[in-house]
Amino acid sequence: MKKILLSIFILISTLTYSQKLEIIPLGVYGGGIESNLSSYLIGIENSKSYISLDAGTIRAGINKTIEYNTFDDTTENILQNYIKGYFITHGHLDHLAGLIINSPDDSSKVSARASAYFII
């Protein structure tokens, strides 16, 4: 009986304190469909703090999220304040286009420079 109660307590504790991951697709295709290229916002549910996994379509995807009531804010505010950074999986244009196109309007982020060190 003690094992069953302990198991139930652990299960309830885990469910109560666990955070829910939210994945919002901004674009899901590759190739030539410019308004639907690979890009996903990933964050903790209800946090308004996301990392963009790839950046193929940013602005058009944000506009769709507003249209479908995923976000109740302006495109500019979501672009500048909700997206905290970008994780680019690889350097194809269909994964980078939105980052490049929207970079002048997305100036609130601090840029980090990666340095390479070679040991010979």
Foldseek 3Di string as FASTA:
>chain_A
DVVVVVVVVVVVVCVVPDWDKDKQQLADDFDDPQRHFGWIWIDTPPPLATAIEFFLHQQSSLVVCVVVVVDVDDSLCSLAPSHAYYHYPDDDNSRCVRCVVCVVSRPNYDDDDDDDDDDD
